[in-house]
Amino acid sequence: MTAESPAQDPRDAALESAILALLAARGTGASISPTEAACAVGGAHPDGWGPLMQPARRVAVRLMKEGRLVILRKGRPVDPDDFRGVYRLRLPGEAG
């Protein structure tokens, strides 16, 4: 078995699907909060979505490195290996 394979974790797959579906539904240039994806997977109660915030961040970083989304902080793209605080997600090539 290989070390860390994020796509094999069912939560990661569900979060990836939720992130991409929410971005597609939101429309061109719009962004989402990672909390929205966590709620879509874990439900509205914080006990359901709260534990998914770190996995959502991990999935977002992977998707950004794959060129499938952009992580924004204060409206600007960030280094996926070095960012802190509140962030949003947007499809690449879309001005916000």
PDB file of N, CA and C in Angstrom:
ATOM      1  N   MET A   1       0.843  -1.184   0.000  1.00  0.00           N
ATOM      2  CA  MET A   1       0.000   0.000   0.000  1.00  0.00           C
ATOM      3  C   MET A   1       0.886   1.244   0.000  1.00  0.00           C
ATOM      4  N   THR A   2       0.504   2.261  -0.743  1.00  0.00           N
ATOM      5  CA  THR A   2       1.292   3.474  -0.825  1.00  0.00           C
ATOM      6  C   THR A   2       0.967   4.404   0.334  1.00  0.00           C
ATOM      7  N   ALA A   3       1.903   5.289   0.618  1.00  0.00           N
ATOM      8  CA  ALA A   3       1.649   6.307   1.640  1.00  0.00           C
ATOM      9  C   ALA A   3       0.601   7.262   1.095  1.00  0.00           C
ATOM     10  N   GLU A   4      -0.018   8.026   1.937  1.00  0.00           N
ATOM     11  CA  GLU A   4      -1.016   9.045   1.619  1.00  0.00           C
ATOM     12  C   GLU A   4      -1.550   9.024   0.186  1.00  0.00           C
ATOM     13  N   SER A   5      -2.726   8.567   0.035  1.00  0.00           N
ATOM     14  CA  SER A   5      -3.416   8.642  -1.248  1.00  0.00           C
ATOM     15  C   SER A   5      -4.774   9.262  -0.977  1.00  0.00           C
ATOM     16  N   PRO A   6      -4.849  10.611  -1.048  1.00  0.00           N
ATOM     17  CA  PRO A   6      -6.054  11.328  -0.631  1.00  0.00           C
ATOM     18  C   PRO A   6      -7.326  10.868  -1.329  1.00  0.00           C
ATOM     19  N   ALA A   7      -7.229  10.466  -2.589  1.00  0.00           N
ATOM     20  CA  ALA A   7      -8.433  10.090  -3.322  1.00  0.00           C
ATOM     21  C   ALA A   7      -9.061   8.822  -2.764  1.00  0.00           C
ATOM     22  N   GLN A   8      -8.326   8.040  -1.966  1.00  0.00           N
ATOM     23  CA  GLN A   8      -8.878   6.810  -1.423  1.00  0.00           C
ATOM     24  C   GLN A   8      -9.749   7.043  -0.193  1.00  0.00           C
ATOM     25  N   ASP A   9      -9.643   8.192   0.436  1.00  0.00           N
ATOM     26  CA  ASP A   9     -10.465   8.503   1.603  1.00  0.00           C
ATOM     27  C   ASP A   9     -11.844   8.942   1.105  1.00  0.00           C
ATOM     28  N   PRO A  10     -12.901   8.221   1.498  1.00  0.00           N
ATOM     29  CA  PRO A  10     -14.244   8.581   0.997  1.00  0.00           C
ATOM     30  C   PRO A  10     -14.650  10.012   1.347  1.00  0.00           C
ATOM     31  N   ARG A  11     -14.204  10.508   2.506  1.00  0.00           N
ATOM     32  CA  ARG A  11     -14.521  11.901   2.858  1.00  0.00           C
ATOM     33  C   ARG A  11     -13.880  12.865   1.874  1.00  0.00           C
ATOM     34  N   ASP A  12     -12.627  12.584   1.504  1.00  0.00           N
ATOM     35  CA  ASP A  12     -11.936  13.460   0.561  1.00  0.00           C
ATOM     36  C   ASP A  12     -12.644  13.464  -0.788  1.00  0.00           C
ATOM     37  N   ALA A  13     -13.059  12.305  -1.249  1.00  0.00           N
ATOM     38  CA  ALA A  13     -13.773  12.214  -2.526  1.00  0.00           C
ATOM     39  C   ALA A  13     -15.090  12.992  -2.451  1.00  0.00           C
ATOM     40  N   ALA A  14     -15.798  12.867  -1.340  1.00  0.00           N
ATOM     41  CA  ALA A  14     -17.069  13.588  -1.174  1.00  0.00           C
ATOM     42  C   ALA A  14     -16.827  15.095  -1.116  1.00  0.00           C
ATOM     43  N   LEU A  15     -15.770  15.507  -0.422  1.00  0.00           N
ATOM     44  CA  LEU A  15     -15.450  16.930  -0.336  1.00  0.00           C
ATOM     45  C   LEU A  15     -15.052  17.481  -1.704  1.00  0.00           C
ATOM     46  N   GLU A  16     -14.246  16.734  -2.433  1.00  0.00           N
ATOM     47  CA  GLU A  16     -13.848  17.171  -3.777  1.00  0.00           C
ATOM     48  C   GLU A  16     -15.076  17.352  -4.654  1.00  0.00           C
ATOM     49  N   SER A  17     -15.975  16.393  -4.640  1.00  0.00           N
ATOM     50  CA  SER A  17     -17.205  16.496  -5.435  1.00  0.00           C
ATOM     51  C   SER A  17     -18.030  17.696  -5.018  1.00  0.00           C
ATOM     52  N   ALA A  18     -18.160  17.911  -3.707  1.00  0.00           N
ATOM     53  CA  ALA A  18     -18.946  19.041  -3.200  1.00  0.00           C
ATOM     54  C   ALA A  18     -18.320  20.371  -3.599  1.00  0.00           C
ATOM     55  N   ILE A  19     -17.011  20.494  -3.455  1.00  0.00           N
ATOM     56  CA  ILE A  19     -16.319  21.737  -3.821  1.00  0.00           C
ATOM     57  C   ILE A  19     -16.541  22.048  -5.293  1.00  0.00           C
ATOM     58  N   LEU A  20     -16.296  21.079  -6.157  1.00  0.00           N
ATOM     59  CA  LEU A  20     -16.420  21.317  -7.591  1.00  0.00           C
ATOM     60  C   LEU A  20     -17.868  21.572  -8.004  1.00  0.00           C
ATOM     61  N   ALA A  21     -18.812  20.872  -7.388  1.00  0.00           N
ATOM     62  CA  ALA A  21     -20.232  21.092  -7.712  1.00  0.00           C
ATOM     63  C   ALA A  21     -20.690  22.482  -7.261  1.00  0.00           C
ATOM     64  N   LEU A  22     -20.283  22.892  -6.064  1.00  0.00           N
ATOM     65  CA  LEU A  22     -20.667  24.215  -5.566  1.00  0.00           C
ATOM     66  C   LEU A  22     -20.083  25.317  -6.442  1.00  0.00           C
ATOM     67  N   LEU A  23     -18.824  25.158  -6.852  1.00  0.00           N
ATOM     68  CA  LEU A  23     -18.204  26.158  -7.717  1.00  0.00           C
ATOM     69  C   LEU A  23     -18.906  26.225  -9.069  1.00  0.00           C
ATOM     70  N   ALA A  24     -19.245  25.077  -9.623  1.00  0.00           N
ATOM     71  CA  ALA A  24     -19.942  25.050 -10.913  1.00  0.00           C
ATOM     72  C   ALA A  24     -21.315  25.711 -10.803  1.00  0.00           C
ATOM     73  N   ALA A  25     -22.008  25.443  -9.701  1.00  0.00           N
ATOM     74  CA  ALA A  25     -23.351  26.001  -9.508  1.00  0.00           C
ATOM     75  C   ALA A  25     -23.313  27.499  -9.235  1.00  0.00           C
ATOM     76  N   ARG A  26     -22.248  27.962  -8.618  1.00  0.00           N
ATOM     77  CA  ARG A  26     -22.156  29.371  -8.230  1.00  0.00           C
ATOM     78  C   ARG A  26     -21.987  30.282  -9.435  1.00  0.00           C
ATOM     79  N   GLY A  27     -21.331  29.803 -10.465  1.00  0.00           N
ATOM     80  CA  GLY A  27     -21.190  30.607 -11.680  1.00  0.00           C
ATOM     81  C   GLY A  27     -19.805  31.207 -11.851  1.00  0.00           C
ATOM     82  N   THR A  28     -19.594  31.764 -13.013  1.00  0.00           N
ATOM     83  CA  THR A  28     -18.304  32.323 -13.400  1.00  0.00           C
ATOM     84  C   THR A  28     -17.846  33.421 -12.451  1.00  0.00           C
ATOM     85  N   GLY A  29     -16.614  33.300 -12.017  1.00  0.00           N
ATOM     86  CA  GLY A  29     -16.009  34.331 -11.184  1.00  0.00           C
ATOM     87  C   GLY A  29     -16.369  34.283  -9.716  1.00  0.00           C
ATOM     88  N   ALA A  30     -17.322  33.461  -9.342  1.00  0.00           N
ATOM     89  CA  ALA A  30     -17.748  33.403  -7.946  1.00  0.00           C
ATOM     90  C   ALA A  30     -16.851  32.461  -7.149  1.00  0.00           C
ATOM     91  N   SER A  31     -16.833  32.680  -5.856  1.00  0.00           N
ATOM     92  CA  SER A  31     -16.043  31.822  -4.985  1.00  0.00           C
ATOM     93  C   SER A  31     -16.948  31.213  -3.921  1.00  0.00           C
ATOM     94  N   ILE A  32     -16.422  30.190  -3.264  1.00  0.00           N
ATOM     95  CA  ILE A  32     -17.146  29.563  -2.156  1.00  0.00           C
ATOM     96  C   ILE A  32     -16.236  29.510  -0.943  1.00  0.00           C
ATOM     97  N   SER A  33     -16.853  29.359   0.191  1.00  0.00           N
ATOM     98  CA  SER A  33     -16.132  29.110   1.430  1.00  0.00           C
ATOM     99  C   SER A  33     -15.961  27.601   1.560  1.00  0.00           C
ATOM    100  N   PRO A  34     -14.829  27.143   2.084  1.00  0.00           N
ATOM    101  CA  PRO A  34     -14.691  25.704   2.290  1.00  0.00           C
ATOM    102  C   PRO A  34     -15.731  25.161   3.275  1.00  0.00           C
ATOM    103  N   THR A  35     -16.252  26.027   4.120  1.00  0.00           N
ATOM    104  CA  THR A  35     -17.298  25.617   5.057  1.00  0.00           C
ATOM    105  C   THR A  35     -18.540  25.146   4.315  1.00  0.00           C
ATOM    106  N   GLU A  36     -18.832  25.765   3.169  1.00  0.00           N
ATOM    107  CA  GLU A  36     -19.993  25.353   2.381  1.00  0.00           C
ATOM    108  C   GLU A  36     -19.855  23.907   1.926  1.00  0.00           C
ATOM    109  N   ALA A  37     -18.663  23.529   1.493  1.00  0.00           N
ATOM    110  CA  ALA A  37     -18.426  22.148   1.059  1.00  0.00           C
ATOM    111  C   ALA A  37     -18.498  21.196   2.242  1.00  0.00           C
ATOM    112  N   ALA A  38     -17.922  21.606   3.376  1.00  0.00           N
ATOM    113  CA  ALA A  38     -17.967  20.764   4.569  1.00  0.00           C
ATOM    114  C   ALA A  38     -19.417  20.543   5.022  1.00  0.00           C
ATOM    115  N   CYS A  39     -20.236  21.587   4.949  1.00  0.00           N
ATOM    116  CA  CYS A  39     -21.659  21.461   5.311  1.00  0.00           C
ATOM    117  C   CYS A  39     -22.405  20.564   4.327  1.00  0.00           C
ATOM    118  N   ALA A  40     -22.053  20.657   3.060  1.00  0.00           N
ATOM    119  CA  ALA A  40     -22.707  19.813   2.048  1.00  0.00           C
ATOM    120  C   ALA A  40     -22.432  18.338   2.313  1.00  0.00           C
ATOM    121  N   VAL A  41     -21.271  18.033   2.859  1.00  0.00           N
ATOM    122  CA  VAL A  41     -20.906  16.641   3.142  1.00  0.00           C
ATOM    123  C   VAL A  41     -21.332  16.225   4.541  1.00  0.00           C
ATOM    124  N   GLY A  42     -21.097  17.091   5.537  1.00  0.00           N
ATOM    125  CA  GLY A  42     -21.304  16.708   6.934  1.00  0.00           C
ATOM    126  C   GLY A  42     -22.601  17.159   7.558  1.00  0.00           C
ATOM    127  N   GLY A  43     -23.381  17.966   6.843  1.00  0.00           N
ATOM    128  CA  GLY A  43     -24.639  18.457   7.390  1.00  0.00           C
ATOM    129  C   GLY A  43     -24.479  19.831   8.021  1.00  0.00           C
ATOM    130  N   ALA A  44     -25.598  20.428   8.418  1.00  0.00           N
ATOM    131  CA  ALA A  44     -25.613  21.801   8.906  1.00  0.00           C
ATOM    132  C   ALA A  44     -25.086  21.967  10.329  1.00  0.00           C
ATOM    133  N   HIS A  45     -25.106  20.915  11.110  1.00  0.00           N
ATOM    134  CA  HIS A  45     -24.658  21.027  12.505  1.00  0.00           C
ATOM    135  C   HIS A  45     -23.132  21.020  12.568  1.00  0.00           C
ATOM    136  N   PRO A  46     -22.542  21.902  13.382  1.00  0.00           N
ATOM    137  CA  PRO A  46     -21.077  21.968  13.488  1.00  0.00           C
ATOM    138  C   PRO A  46     -20.407  20.636  13.848  1.00  0.00           C
ATOM    139  N   ASP A  47     -21.119  19.772  14.558  1.00  0.00           N
ATOM    140  CA  ASP A  47     -20.534  18.463  14.877  1.00  0.00           C
ATOM    141  C   ASP A  47     -20.330  17.620  13.623  1.00  0.00           C
ATOM    142  N   GLY A  48     -21.094  17.908  12.580  1.00  0.00           N
ATOM    143  CA  GLY A  48     -20.960  17.169  11.330  1.00  0.00           C
ATOM    144  C   GLY A  48     -19.922  17.776  10.408  1.00  0.00           C
ATOM    145  N   TRP A  49     -19.975  19.118  10.231  1.00  0.00           N
ATOM    146  CA  TRP A  49     -19.059  19.733   9.281  1.00  0.00           C
ATOM    147  C   TRP A  49     -17.736  20.172   9.893  1.00  0.00           C
ATOM    148  N   GLY A  50     -17.707  20.443  11.172  1.00  0.00           N
ATOM    149  CA  GLY A  50     -16.484  20.919  11.819  1.00  0.00           C
ATOM    150  C   GLY A  50     -15.278  20.014  11.610  1.00  0.00           C
ATOM    151  N   PRO A  51     -15.435  18.710  11.846  1.00  0.00           N
ATOM    152  CA  PRO A  51     -14.292  17.810  11.649  1.00  0.00           C
ATOM    153  C   PRO A  51     -13.841  17.690  10.193  1.00  0.00           C
ATOM    154  N   LEU A  52     -14.629  18.219   9.261  1.00  0.00           N
ATOM    155  CA  LEU A  52     -14.271  18.125   7.848  1.00  0.00           C
ATOM    156  C   LEU A  52     -13.464  19.331   7.349  1.00  0.00           C
ATOM    157  N   MET A  53     -13.244  20.317   8.211  1.00  0.00           N
ATOM    158  CA  MET A  53     -12.542  21.514   7.756  1.00  0.00           C
ATOM    159  C   MET A  53     -11.084  21.249   7.379  1.00  0.00           C
ATOM    160  N   GLN A  54     -10.370  20.465   8.160  1.00  0.00           N
ATOM    161  CA  GLN A  54      -8.983  20.143   7.785  1.00  0.00           C
ATOM    162  C   GLN A  54      -8.936  19.272   6.526  1.00  0.00           C
ATOM    163  N   PRO A  55      -9.778  18.235   6.440  1.00  0.00           N
ATOM    164  CA  PRO A  55      -9.797  17.485   5.180  1.00  0.00           C
ATOM    165  C   PRO A  55     -10.171  18.360   3.977  1.00  0.00           C
ATOM    166  N   ALA A  56     -11.089  19.331   4.165  1.00  0.00           N
ATOM    167  CA  ALA A  56     -11.468  20.230   3.066  1.00  0.00           C
ATOM    168  C   ALA A  56     -10.270  21.071   2.632  1.00  0.00           C
ATOM    169  N   ARG A  57      -9.498  21.530   3.580  1.00  0.00           N
ATOM    170  CA  ARG A  57      -8.290  22.297   3.258  1.00  0.00           C
ATOM    171  C   ARG A  57      -7.299  21.429   2.477  1.00  0.00           C
ATOM    172  N   ARG A  58      -7.106  20.206   2.935  1.00  0.00           N
ATOM    173  CA  ARG A  58      -6.191  19.279   2.269  1.00  0.00           C
ATOM    174  C   ARG A  58      -6.632  19.027   0.824  1.00  0.00           C
ATOM    175  N   VAL A  59      -7.925  18.820   0.623  1.00  0.00           N
ATOM    176  CA  VAL A  59      -8.459  18.597  -0.725  1.00  0.00           C
ATOM    177  C   VAL A  59      -8.274  19.856  -1.576  1.00  0.00           C
ATOM    178  N   ALA A  60      -8.546  21.029  -1.009  1.00  0.00           N
ATOM    179  CA  ALA A  60      -8.385  22.281  -1.755  1.00  0.00           C
ATOM    180  C   ALA A  60      -6.937  22.476  -2.195  1.00  0.00           C
ATOM    181  N   VAL A  61      -6.004  22.195  -1.304  1.00  0.00           N
ATOM    182  CA  VAL A  61      -4.582  22.325  -1.651  1.00  0.00           C
ATOM    183  C   VAL A  61      -4.235  21.383  -2.794  1.00  0.00           C
ATOM    184  N   ARG A  62      -4.697  20.146  -2.707  1.00  0.00           N
ATOM    185  CA  ARG A  62      -4.418  19.177  -3.778  1.00  0.00           C
ATOM    186  C   ARG A  62      -5.017  19.645  -5.103  1.00  0.00           C
ATOM    187  N   LEU A  63      -6.267  20.117  -5.066  1.00  0.00           N
ATOM    188  CA  LEU A  63      -6.920  20.580  -6.294  1.00  0.00           C
ATOM    189  C   LEU A  63      -6.217  21.797  -6.880  1.00  0.00           C
ATOM    190  N   MET A  64      -5.705  22.674  -6.032  1.00  0.00           N
ATOM    191  CA  MET A  64      -4.972  23.829  -6.546  1.00  0.00           C
ATOM    192  C   MET A  64      -3.670  23.378  -7.201  1.00  0.00           C
ATOM    193  N   LYS A  65      -2.984  22.446  -6.575  1.00  0.00           N
ATOM    194  CA  LYS A  65      -1.735  21.942  -7.159  1.00  0.00           C
ATOM    195  C   LYS A  65      -1.984  21.232  -8.482  1.00  0.00           C
ATOM    196  N   GLU A  66      -3.166  20.659  -8.647  1.00  0.00           N
ATOM    197  CA  GLU A  66      -3.557  20.013  -9.910  1.00  0.00           C
ATOM    198  C   GLU A  66      -4.071  21.023 -10.930  1.00  0.00           C
ATOM    199  N   GLY A  67      -4.208  22.292 -10.530  1.00  0.00           N
ATOM    200  CA  GLY A  67      -4.693  23.328 -11.433  1.00  0.00           C
ATOM    201  C   GLY A  67      -6.195  23.349 -11.606  1.00  0.00           C
ATOM    202  N   ARG A  68      -6.917  22.721 -10.679  1.00  0.00           N
ATOM    203  CA  ARG A  68      -8.372  22.599 -10.818  1.00  0.00           C
ATOM    204  C   ARG A  68      -9.143  23.661 -10.064  1.00  0.00           C
ATOM    205  N   LEU A  69      -8.498  24.385  -9.144  1.00  0.00           N
ATOM    206  CA  LEU A  69      -9.114  25.511  -8.459  1.00  0.00           C
ATOM    207  C   LEU A  69      -8.027  26.430  -7.946  1.00  0.00           C
ATOM    208  N   VAL A  70      -8.466  27.597  -7.458  1.00  0.00           N
ATOM    209  CA  VAL A  70      -7.560  28.585  -6.891  1.00  0.00           C
ATOM    210  C   VAL A  70      -7.997  28.853  -5.460  1.00  0.00           C
ATOM    211  N   ILE A  71      -7.035  28.887  -4.556  1.00  0.00           N
ATOM    212  CA  ILE A  71      -7.305  29.246  -3.168  1.00  0.00           C
ATOM    213  C   ILE A  71      -7.018  30.740  -3.033  1.00  0.00           C
ATOM    214  N   LEU A  72      -7.995  31.468  -2.493  1.00  0.00           N
ATOM    215  CA  LEU A  72      -7.885  32.919  -2.348  1.00  0.00           C
ATOM    216  C   LEU A  72      -7.854  33.317  -0.881  1.00  0.00           C
ATOM    217  N   ARG A  73      -7.034  34.290  -0.586  1.00  0.00           N
ATOM    218  CA  ARG A  73      -7.042  34.929   0.728  1.00  0.00           C
ATOM    219  C   ARG A  73      -7.060  36.422   0.462  1.00  0.00           C
ATOM    220  N   LYS A  74      -8.045  37.111   1.025  1.00  0.00           N
ATOM    221  CA  LYS A  74      -8.236  38.541   0.776  1.00  0.00           C
ATOM    222  C   LYS A  74      -8.320  38.827  -0.724  1.00  0.00           C
ATOM    223  N   GLY A  75      -8.967  37.896  -1.454  1.00  0.00           N
ATOM    224  CA  GLY A  75      -9.211  38.087  -2.875  1.00  0.00           C
ATOM    225  C   GLY A  75      -8.046  37.776  -3.794  1.00  0.00           C
ATOM    226  N   ARG A  76      -6.926  37.334  -3.241  1.00  0.00           N
ATOM    227  CA  ARG A  76      -5.742  37.058  -4.058  1.00  0.00           C
ATOM    228  C   ARG A  76      -5.328  35.603  -3.944  1.00  0.00           C
ATOM    229  N   PRO A  77      -4.826  35.030  -5.033  1.00  0.00           N
ATOM    230  CA  PRO A  77      -4.340  33.642  -4.969  1.00  0.00           C
ATOM    231  C   PRO A  77      -3.195  33.516  -3.966  1.00  0.00           C
ATOM    232  N   VAL A  78      -3.146  32.372  -3.310  1.00  0.00           N
ATOM    233  CA  VAL A  78      -2.118  32.117  -2.299  1.00  0.00           C
ATOM    234  C   VAL A  78      -1.206  30.982  -2.752  1.00  0.00           C
ATOM    235  N   ASP A  79      -0.100  30.855  -2.046  1.00  0.00           N
ATOM    236  CA  ASP A  79       0.771  29.702  -2.202  1.00  0.00           C
ATOM    237  C   ASP A  79       0.082  28.556  -1.467  1.00  0.00           C
ATOM    238  N   PRO A  80      -0.261  27.465  -2.158  1.00  0.00           N
ATOM    239  CA  PRO A  80      -1.005  26.394  -1.488  1.00  0.00           C
ATOM    240  C   PRO A  80      -0.233  25.720  -0.354  1.00  0.00           C
ATOM    241  N   ASP A  81       1.070  25.889  -0.327  1.00  0.00           N
ATOM    242  CA  ASP A  81       1.874  25.294   0.736  1.00  0.00           C
ATOM    243  C   ASP A  81       2.117  26.236   1.905  1.00  0.00           C
ATOM    244  N   ASP A  82       1.648  27.498   1.784  1.00  0.00           N
ATOM    245  CA  ASP A  82       1.954  28.459   2.833  1.00  0.00           C
ATOM    246  C   ASP A  82       0.889  29.546   2.917  1.00  0.00           C
ATOM    247  N   PHE A  83      -0.250  29.212   3.516  1.00  0.00           N
ATOM    248  CA  PHE A  83      -1.273  30.227   3.752  1.00  0.00           C
ATOM    249  C   PHE A  83      -1.966  29.936   5.072  1.00  0.00           C
ATOM    250  N   ARG A  84      -2.483  30.991   5.656  1.00  0.00           N
ATOM    251  CA  ARG A  84      -3.164  30.873   6.946  1.00  0.00           C
ATOM    252  C   ARG A  84      -4.469  31.648   6.903  1.00  0.00           C
ATOM    253  N   GLY A  85      -5.315  31.338   7.871  1.00  0.00           N
ATOM    254  CA  GLY A  85      -6.520  32.124   8.059  1.00  0.00           C
ATOM    255  C   GLY A  85      -7.658  31.765   7.119  1.00  0.00           C
ATOM    256  N   VAL A  86      -8.578  32.708   7.025  1.00  0.00           N
ATOM    257  CA  VAL A  86      -9.795  32.537   6.235  1.00  0.00           C
ATOM    258  C   VAL A  86      -9.438  32.542   4.757  1.00  0.00           C
ATOM    259  N   TYR A  87     -10.012  31.613   4.025  1.00  0.00           N
ATOM    260  CA  TYR A  87      -9.747  31.530   2.594  1.00  0.00           C
ATOM    261  C   TYR A  87     -11.010  31.138   1.857  1.00  0.00           C
ATOM    262  N   ARG A  88     -10.992  31.366   0.547  1.00  0.00           N
ATOM    263  CA  ARG A  88     -12.104  31.004  -0.322  1.00  0.00           C
ATOM    264  C   ARG A  88     -11.564  30.234  -1.506  1.00  0.00           C
ATOM    265  N   LEU A  89     -12.472  29.613  -2.245  1.00  0.00           N
ATOM    266  CA  LEU A  89     -12.092  28.781  -3.382  1.00  0.00           C
ATOM    267  C   LEU A  89     -12.791  29.288  -4.633  1.00  0.00           C
ATOM    268  N   ARG A  90     -12.076  29.265  -5.758  1.00  0.00           N
ATOM    269  CA  ARG A  90     -12.624  29.715  -7.036  1.00  0.00           C
ATOM    270  C   ARG A  90     -12.058  28.826  -8.134  1.00  0.00           C
ATOM    271  N   LEU A  91     -12.800  28.688  -9.226  1.00  0.00           N
ATOM    272  CA  LEU A  91     -12.281  27.965 -10.381  1.00  0.00           C
ATOM    273  C   LEU A  91     -11.151  28.772 -11.010  1.00  0.00           C
ATOM    274  N   PRO A  92     -10.152  28.112 -11.602  1.00  0.00           N
ATOM    275  CA  PRO A  92      -9.040  28.852 -12.202  1.00  0.00           C
ATOM    276  C   PRO A  92      -9.481  29.633 -13.439  1.00  0.00           C
ATOM    277  N   GLY A  93      -8.748  30.699 -13.706  1.00  0.00           N
ATOM    278  CA  GLY A  93      -9.014  31.494 -14.904  1.00  0.00           C
ATOM    279  C   GLY A  93     -10.221  32.381 -14.800  1.00  0.00           C
ATOM    280  N   GLU A  94     -10.774  32.526 -13.610  1.00  0.00           N
ATOM    281  CA  GLU A  94     -11.955  33.366 -13.424  1.00  0.00           C
ATOM    282  C   GLU A  94     -11.608  34.535 -12.515  1.00  0.00           C
ATOM    283  N   ALA A  95     -11.842  35.721 -12.975  1.00  0.00           N
ATOM    284  CA  ALA A  95     -11.603  36.896 -12.129  1.00  0.00           C
ATOM    285  C   ALA A  95     -12.701  36.994 -11.086  1.00  0.00           C
ATOM    286  N   GLY A  96     -12.339  37.391  -9.893  1.00  0.00           N
ATOM    287  CA  GLY A  96     -13.318  37.449  -8.806  1.00  0.00           C
ATOM    288  C   GLY A  96     -13.923  38.739  -8.592  1.00  0.00           C
TER     289      GLY A  96
END
